[in-house]
């Protein structure tokens, strides 16, 4: 049994290393993609909140009597 393991080990090790390397590369790509999407979502949310804040400020000014419709 030891001889069989020694016979196949040199052949399998490079394949396992290549598979592990490929898996790491794919994982990095997905992580990068996910972070990019997250960044875009946060930027969009920030813009939406900013526009909403401007609308709320407009209502406040109307309530305070500083502007007219």
PDB file of N, CA and C in Angstrom:
ATOM      1  N   UNK A   1       0.820  -1.190   0.000  1.00  0.00           N
ATOM      2  CA  UNK A   1       0.000   0.000   0.000  1.00  0.00           C
ATOM      3  C   UNK A   1       0.864   1.254   0.000  1.00  0.00           C
ATOM      4  N   UNK A   2       1.934   1.243   0.714  1.00  0.00           N
ATOM      5  CA  UNK A   2       2.847   2.377   0.698  1.00  0.00           C
ATOM      6  C   UNK A   2       3.437   2.599  -0.683  1.00  0.00           C
ATOM      7  N   UNK A   3       3.751   1.526  -1.386  1.00  0.00           N
ATOM      8  CA  UNK A   3       4.340   1.663  -2.721  1.00  0.00           C
ATOM      9  C   UNK A   3       3.344   2.309  -3.684  1.00  0.00           C
ATOM     10  N   UNK A   4       2.100   1.938  -3.586  1.00  0.00           N
ATOM     11  CA  UNK A   4       1.083   2.526  -4.452  1.00  0.00           C
ATOM     12  C   UNK A   4       0.975   4.027  -4.190  1.00  0.00           C
ATOM     13  N   UNK A   5       0.969   4.391  -2.922  1.00  0.00           N
ATOM     14  CA  UNK A   5       0.883   5.809  -2.573  1.00  0.00           C
ATOM     15  C   UNK A   5       2.078   6.573  -3.122  1.00  0.00           C
ATOM     16  N   UNK A   6       3.253   6.018  -2.998  1.00  0.00           N
ATOM     17  CA  UNK A   6       4.453   6.676  -3.490  1.00  0.00           C
ATOM     18  C   UNK A   6       4.449   6.762  -5.011  1.00  0.00           C
ATOM     19  N   UNK A   7       3.888   5.780  -5.667  1.00  0.00           N
ATOM     20  CA  UNK A   7       3.851   5.780  -7.127  1.00  0.00           C
ATOM     21  C   UNK A   7       2.931   6.891  -7.644  1.00  0.00           C
ATOM     22  N   UNK A   8       1.776   7.076  -7.029  1.00  0.00           N
ATOM     23  CA  UNK A   8       0.794   8.040  -7.515  1.00  0.00           C
ATOM     24  C   UNK A   8       0.996   9.449  -6.955  1.00  0.00           C
ATOM     25  N   UNK A   9       1.646   9.570  -5.847  1.00  0.00           N
ATOM     26  CA  UNK A   9       1.807  10.882  -5.218  1.00  0.00           C
ATOM     27  C   UNK A   9       2.471  11.914  -6.123  1.00  0.00           C
ATOM     28  N   UNK A  10       3.572  11.598  -6.799  1.00  0.00           N
ATOM     29  CA  UNK A  10       4.192  12.610  -7.659  1.00  0.00           C
ATOM     30  C   UNK A  10       3.267  13.086  -8.784  1.00  0.00           C
ATOM     31  N   UNK A  11       2.382  12.214  -9.249  1.00  0.00           N
ATOM     32  CA  UNK A  11       1.464  12.582 -10.323  1.00  0.00           C
ATOM     33  C   UNK A  11       0.318  13.441  -9.780  1.00  0.00           C
ATOM     34  N   UNK A  12      -0.180  13.111  -8.609  1.00  0.00           N
ATOM     35  CA  UNK A  12      -1.338  13.811  -8.059  1.00  0.00           C
ATOM     36  C   UNK A  12      -0.995  15.159  -7.436  1.00  0.00           C
ATOM     37  N   UNK A  13       0.165  15.290  -6.850  1.00  0.00           N
ATOM     38  CA  UNK A  13       0.517  16.529  -6.157  1.00  0.00           C
ATOM     39  C   UNK A  13       0.454  17.742  -7.082  1.00  0.00           C
ATOM     40  N   UNK A  14       1.048  17.708  -8.266  1.00  0.00           N
ATOM     41  CA  UNK A  14       0.939  18.880  -9.156  1.00  0.00           C
ATOM     42  C   UNK A  14      -0.508  19.182  -9.558  1.00  0.00           C
ATOM     43  N   UNK A  15      -1.309  18.132  -9.755  1.00  0.00           N
ATOM     44  CA  UNK A  15      -2.709  18.343 -10.121  1.00  0.00           C
ATOM     45  C   UNK A  15      -3.483  18.990  -8.973  1.00  0.00           C
ATOM     46  N   UNK A  16      -3.201  18.533  -7.762  1.00  0.00           N
ATOM     47  CA  UNK A  16      -3.861  19.107  -6.592  1.00  0.00           C
ATOM     48  C   UNK A  16      -3.421  20.553  -6.405  1.00  0.00           C
ATOM     49  N   UNK A  17      -2.140  20.827  -6.586  1.00  0.00           N
ATOM     50  CA  UNK A  17      -1.641  22.195  -6.451  1.00  0.00           C
ATOM     51  C   UNK A  17      -2.268  23.115  -7.495  1.00  0.00           C
ATOM     52  N   UNK A  18      -2.402  22.619  -8.722  1.00  0.00           N
ATOM     53  CA  UNK A  18      -3.012  23.424  -9.782  1.00  0.00           C
ATOM     54  C   UNK A  18      -4.487  23.679  -9.470  1.00  0.00           C
ATOM     55  N   UNK A  19      -5.186  22.651  -8.997  1.00  0.00           N
ATOM     56  CA  UNK A  19      -6.599  22.811  -8.649  1.00  0.00           C
ATOM     57  C   UNK A  19      -6.760  23.804  -7.502  1.00  0.00           C
ATOM     58  N   UNK A  20      -5.892  23.716  -6.508  1.00  0.00           N
ATOM     59  CA  UNK A  20      -5.957  24.644  -5.373  1.00  0.00           C
ATOM     60  C   UNK A  20      -5.669  26.070  -5.832  1.00  0.00           C
ATOM     61  N   UNK A  21      -4.697  26.228  -6.706  1.00  0.00           N
ATOM     62  CA  UNK A  21      -4.353  27.553  -7.223  1.00  0.00           C
ATOM     63  C   UNK A  21      -5.515  28.138  -8.027  1.00  0.00           C
ATOM     64  N   UNK A  22      -6.138  27.310  -8.845  1.00  0.00           N
ATOM     65  CA  UNK A  22      -7.289  27.747  -9.633  1.00  0.00           C
ATOM     66  C   UNK A  22      -8.440  28.144  -8.717  1.00  0.00           C
ATOM     67  N   UNK A  23      -8.667  27.355  -7.678  1.00  0.00           N
ATOM     68  CA  UNK A  23      -9.726  27.663  -6.722  1.00  0.00           C
ATOM     69  C   UNK A  23      -9.468  29.002  -6.032  1.00  0.00           C
ATOM     70  N   UNK A  24      -8.239  29.258  -5.656  1.00  0.00           N
ATOM     71  CA  UNK A  24      -7.884  30.534  -5.025  1.00  0.00           C
ATOM     72  C   UNK A  24      -8.118  31.686  -6.002  1.00  0.00           C
ATOM     73  N   UNK A  25      -7.725  31.506  -7.259  1.00  0.00           N
ATOM     74  CA  UNK A  25      -7.925  32.558  -8.266  1.00  0.00           C
ATOM     75  C   UNK A  25      -9.408  32.868  -8.463  1.00  0.00           C
ATOM     76  N   UNK A  26     -10.224  31.824  -8.569  1.00  0.00           N
ATOM     77  CA  UNK A  26     -11.666  32.011  -8.757  1.00  0.00           C
ATOM     78  C   UNK A  26     -12.274  32.692  -7.531  1.00  0.00           C
ATOM     79  N   UNK A  27     -11.827  32.282  -6.349  1.00  0.00           N
ATOM     80  CA  UNK A  27     -12.322  32.893  -5.116  1.00  0.00           C
ATOM     81  C   UNK A  27     -11.988  34.378  -5.075  1.00  0.00           C
ATOM     82  N   UNK A  28     -10.774  34.734  -5.485  1.00  0.00           N
ATOM     83  CA  UNK A  28     -10.377  36.147  -5.509  1.00  0.00           C
ATOM     84  C   UNK A  28     -11.229  36.938  -6.500  1.00  0.00           C
ATOM     85  N   UNK A  29     -11.516  36.338  -7.652  1.00  0.00           N
ATOM     86  CA  UNK A  29     -12.351  37.024  -8.641  1.00  0.00           C
ATOM     87  C   UNK A  29     -13.750  37.290  -8.092  1.00  0.00           C
ATOM     88  N   UNK A  30     -14.352  36.287  -7.450  1.00  0.00           N
ATOM     89  CA  UNK A  30     -15.688  36.459  -6.884  1.00  0.00           C
ATOM     90  C   UNK A  30     -15.672  37.478  -5.758  1.00  0.00           C
ATOM     91  N   UNK A  31     -14.636  37.454  -4.929  1.00  0.00           N
ATOM     92  CA  UNK A  31     -14.526  38.431  -3.839  1.00  0.00           C
ATOM     93  C   UNK A  31     -14.425  39.842  -4.409  1.00  0.00           C
ATOM     94  N   UNK A  32     -13.612  40.005  -5.432  1.00  0.00           N
ATOM     95  CA  UNK A  32     -13.447  41.313  -6.066  1.00  0.00           C
ATOM     96  C   UNK A  32     -14.770  41.787  -6.661  1.00  0.00           C
ATOM     97  N   UNK A  33     -15.464  40.890  -7.333  1.00  0.00           N
ATOM     98  CA  UNK A  33     -16.756  41.231  -7.935  1.00  0.00           C
ATOM     99  C   UNK A  33     -17.761  41.631  -6.849  1.00  0.00           C
ATOM    100  N   UNK A  34     -17.822  40.847  -5.791  1.00  0.00           N
ATOM    101  CA  UNK A  34     -18.753  41.140  -4.705  1.00  0.00           C
ATOM    102  C   UNK A  34     -18.469  42.483  -4.052  1.00  0.00           C
ATOM    103  N   UNK A  35     -17.198  42.779  -3.844  1.00  0.00           N
ATOM    104  CA  UNK A  35     -16.830  44.068  -3.248  1.00  0.00           C
ATOM    105  C   UNK A  35     -17.173  45.224  -4.180  1.00  0.00           C
ATOM    106  N   UNK A  36     -16.981  45.023  -5.474  1.00  0.00           N
ATOM    107  CA  UNK A  36     -17.324  46.067  -6.445  1.00  0.00           C
ATOM    108  C   UNK A  36     -18.834  46.323  -6.454  1.00  0.00           C
ATOM    109  N   UNK A  37     -19.613  45.260  -6.446  1.00  0.00           N
ATOM    110  CA  UNK A  37     -21.072  45.416  -6.419  1.00  0.00           C
ATOM    111  C   UNK A  37     -21.494  46.109  -5.124  1.00  0.00           C
ATOM    112  N   UNK A  38     -20.902  45.704  -4.013  1.00  0.00           N
ATOM    113  CA  UNK A  38     -21.213  46.339  -2.735  1.00  0.00           C
ATOM    114  C   UNK A  38     -20.902  47.826  -2.748  1.00  0.00           C
ATOM    115  N   UNK A  39     -19.771  48.180  -3.333  1.00  0.00           N
ATOM    116  CA  UNK A  39     -19.377  49.595  -3.448  1.00  0.00           C
ATOM    117  C   UNK A  39     -20.411  50.372  -4.260  1.00  0.00           C
ATOM    118  N   UNK A  40     -20.826  49.803  -5.390  1.00  0.00           N
ATOM    119  CA  UNK A  40     -21.802  50.477  -6.239  1.00  0.00           C
ATOM    120  C   UNK A  40     -23.141  50.651  -5.521  1.00  0.00           C
ATOM    121  N   UNK A  41     -23.550  49.633  -4.781  1.00  0.00           N
ATOM    122  CA  UNK A  41     -24.812  49.715  -4.039  1.00  0.00           C
ATOM    123  C   UNK A  41     -24.732  50.813  -2.982  1.00  0.00           C
ATOM    124  N   UNK A  42     -23.617  50.865  -2.263  1.00  0.00           N
ATOM    125  CA  UNK A  42     -23.458  51.901  -1.240  1.00  0.00           C
ATOM    126  C   UNK A  42     -23.435  53.299  -1.849  1.00  0.00           C
ATOM    127  N   UNK A  43     -22.768  53.449  -2.994  1.00  0.00           N
ATOM    128  CA  UNK A  43     -22.733  54.757  -3.654  1.00  0.00           C
ATOM    129  C   UNK A  43     -24.129  55.179  -4.102  1.00  0.00           C
ATOM    130  N   UNK A  44     -24.880  54.244  -4.662  1.00  0.00           N
ATOM    131  CA  UNK A  44     -26.242  54.541  -5.103  1.00  0.00           C
ATOM    132  C   UNK A  44     -27.120  54.902  -3.912  1.00  0.00           C
ATOM    133  N   UNK A  45     -26.975  54.147  -2.840  1.00  0.00           N
ATOM    134  CA  UNK A  45     -27.746  54.429  -1.630  1.00  0.00           C
ATOM    135  C   UNK A  45     -27.407  55.808  -1.076  1.00  0.00           C
ATOM    136  N   UNK A  46     -26.129  56.153  -1.083  1.00  0.00           N
ATOM    137  CA  UNK A  46     -25.711  57.468  -0.582  1.00  0.00           C
ATOM    138  C   UNK A  46     -26.317  58.585  -1.429  1.00  0.00           C
ATOM    139  N   UNK A  47     -26.343  58.400  -2.746  1.00  0.00           N
ATOM    140  CA  UNK A  47     -26.935  59.417  -3.627  1.00  0.00           C
ATOM    141  C   UNK A  47     -28.431  59.551  -3.353  1.00  0.00           C
ATOM    142  N   UNK A  48     -29.098  58.416  -3.182  1.00  0.00           N
ATOM    143  CA  UNK A  48     -30.537  58.443  -2.894  1.00  0.00           C
ATOM    144  C   UNK A  48     -30.811  59.140  -1.572  1.00  0.00           C
ATOM    145  N   UNK A  49     -30.015  58.838  -0.562  1.00  0.00           N
ATOM    146  CA  UNK A  49     -30.195  59.486   0.741  1.00  0.00           C
ATOM    147  C   UNK A  49     -29.934  60.986   0.658  1.00  0.00           C
ATOM    148  N   UNK A  50     -28.954  61.372  -0.134  1.00  0.00           N
ATOM    149  CA  UNK A  50     -28.649  62.791  -0.296  1.00  0.00           C
ATOM    150  C   UNK A  50     -29.823  63.520  -0.951  1.00  0.00           C
ATOM    151  N   UNK A  51     -30.390  62.910  -1.987  1.00  0.00           N
ATOM    152  CA  UNK A  51     -31.540  63.532  -2.651  1.00  0.00           C
ATOM    153  C   UNK A  51     -32.733  63.596  -1.705  1.00  0.00           C
ATOM    154  N   UNK A  52     -32.942  62.549  -0.924  1.00  0.00           N
ATOM    155  CA  UNK A  52     -34.039  62.547   0.044  1.00  0.00           C
ATOM    156  C   UNK A  52     -33.827  63.634   1.091  1.00  0.00           C
ATOM    157  N   UNK A  53     -32.594  63.806   1.530  1.00  0.00           N
ATOM    158  CA  UNK A  53     -32.283  64.857   2.512  1.00  0.00           C
ATOM    159  C   UNK A  53     -32.602  66.233   1.949  1.00  0.00           C
ATOM    160  N   UNK A  54     -32.334  66.443   0.667  1.00  0.00           N
ATOM    161  CA  UNK A  54     -32.649  67.728   0.041  1.00  0.00           C
ATOM    162  C   UNK A  54     -34.158  67.968   0.016  1.00  0.00           C
ATOM    163  N   UNK A  55     -34.918  66.924  -0.276  1.00  0.00           N
ATOM    164  CA  UNK A  55     -36.379  67.051  -0.287  1.00  0.00           C
ATOM    165  C   UNK A  55     -36.882  67.368   1.117  1.00  0.00           C
ATOM    166  N   UNK A  56     -36.354  66.659   2.108  1.00  0.00           N
ATOM    167  CA  UNK A  56     -36.757  66.910   3.494  1.00  0.00           C
ATOM    168  C   UNK A  56     -36.407  68.340   3.897  1.00  0.00           C
ATOM    169  N   UNK A  57     -35.248  68.807   3.477  1.00  0.00           N
ATOM    170  CA  UNK A  57     -34.854  70.192   3.779  1.00  0.00           C
ATOM    171  C   UNK A  57     -35.825  71.179   3.133  1.00  0.00           C
ATOM    172  N   UNK A  58     -36.272  70.866   1.922  1.00  0.00           N
ATOM    173  CA  UNK A  58     -37.265  71.718   1.259  1.00  0.00           C
ATOM    174  C   UNK A  58     -38.561  71.776   2.049  1.00  0.00           C
ATOM    175  N   UNK A  59     -39.014  70.625   2.564  1.00  0.00           N
ATOM    176  CA  UNK A  59     -40.217  70.606   3.402  1.00  0.00           C
ATOM    177  C   UNK A  59     -40.005  71.432   4.669  1.00  0.00           C
ATOM    178  N   UNK A  60     -38.845  71.296   5.266  1.00  0.00           N
ATOM    179  CA  UNK A  60     -38.523  72.041   6.492  1.00  0.00           C
ATOM    180  C   UNK A  60     -38.588  73.541   6.231  1.00  0.00           C
ATOM    181  N   UNK A  61     -38.022  73.957   5.102  1.00  0.00           N
ATOM    182  CA  UNK A  61     -38.031  75.384   4.776  1.00  0.00           C
ATOM    183  C   UNK A  61     -39.455  75.879   4.567  1.00  0.00           C
ATOM    184  N   UNK A  62     -40.307  75.045   3.967  1.00  0.00           N
ATOM    185  CA  UNK A  62     -41.713  75.436   3.789  1.00  0.00           C
ATOM    186  C   UNK A  62     -42.407  75.574   5.141  1.00  0.00           C
ATOM    187  N   UNK A  63     -42.120  74.618   6.026  1.00  0.00           N
ATOM    188  CA  UNK A  63     -42.727  74.664   7.358  1.00  0.00           C
ATOM    189  C   UNK A  63     -42.260  75.905   8.102  1.00  0.00           C
ATOM    190  N   UNK A  64     -40.991  76.221   7.957  1.00  0.00           N
ATOM    191  CA  UNK A  64     -40.433  77.407   8.620  1.00  0.00           C
ATOM    192  C   UNK A  64     -40.884  78.704   7.949  1.00  0.00           C
ATOM    193  N   UNK A  65     -41.519  78.601   6.783  1.00  0.00           N
ATOM    194  CA  UNK A  65     -42.009  79.772   6.079  1.00  0.00           C
ATOM    195  C   UNK A  65     -40.946  80.508   5.299  1.00  0.00           C
ATOM    196  N   UNK A  66     -39.839  79.854   5.017  1.00  0.00           N
ATOM    197  CA  UNK A  66     -38.741  80.525   4.312  1.00  0.00           C
ATOM    198  C   UNK A  66     -38.929  80.508   2.800  1.00  0.00           C
ATOM    199  N   UNK A  67     -39.669  79.557   2.298  1.00  0.00           N
ATOM    200  CA  UNK A  67     -39.900  79.500   0.850  1.00  0.00           C
ATOM    201  C   UNK A  67     -41.378  79.270   0.598  1.00  0.00           C
ATOM    202  N   UNK A  68     -41.778  79.596  -0.609  1.00  0.00           N
ATOM    203  CA  UNK A  68     -43.157  79.354  -1.015  1.00  0.00           C
ATOM    204  C   UNK A  68     -43.160  78.231  -2.030  1.00  0.00           C
ATOM    205  N   UNK A  69     -44.303  77.651  -2.219  1.00  0.00           N
ATOM    206  CA  UNK A  69     -44.466  76.581  -3.197  1.00  0.00           C
ATOM    207  C   UNK A  69     -44.121  77.120  -4.515  1.00  0.00           C
TER     208      UNK A  69
END
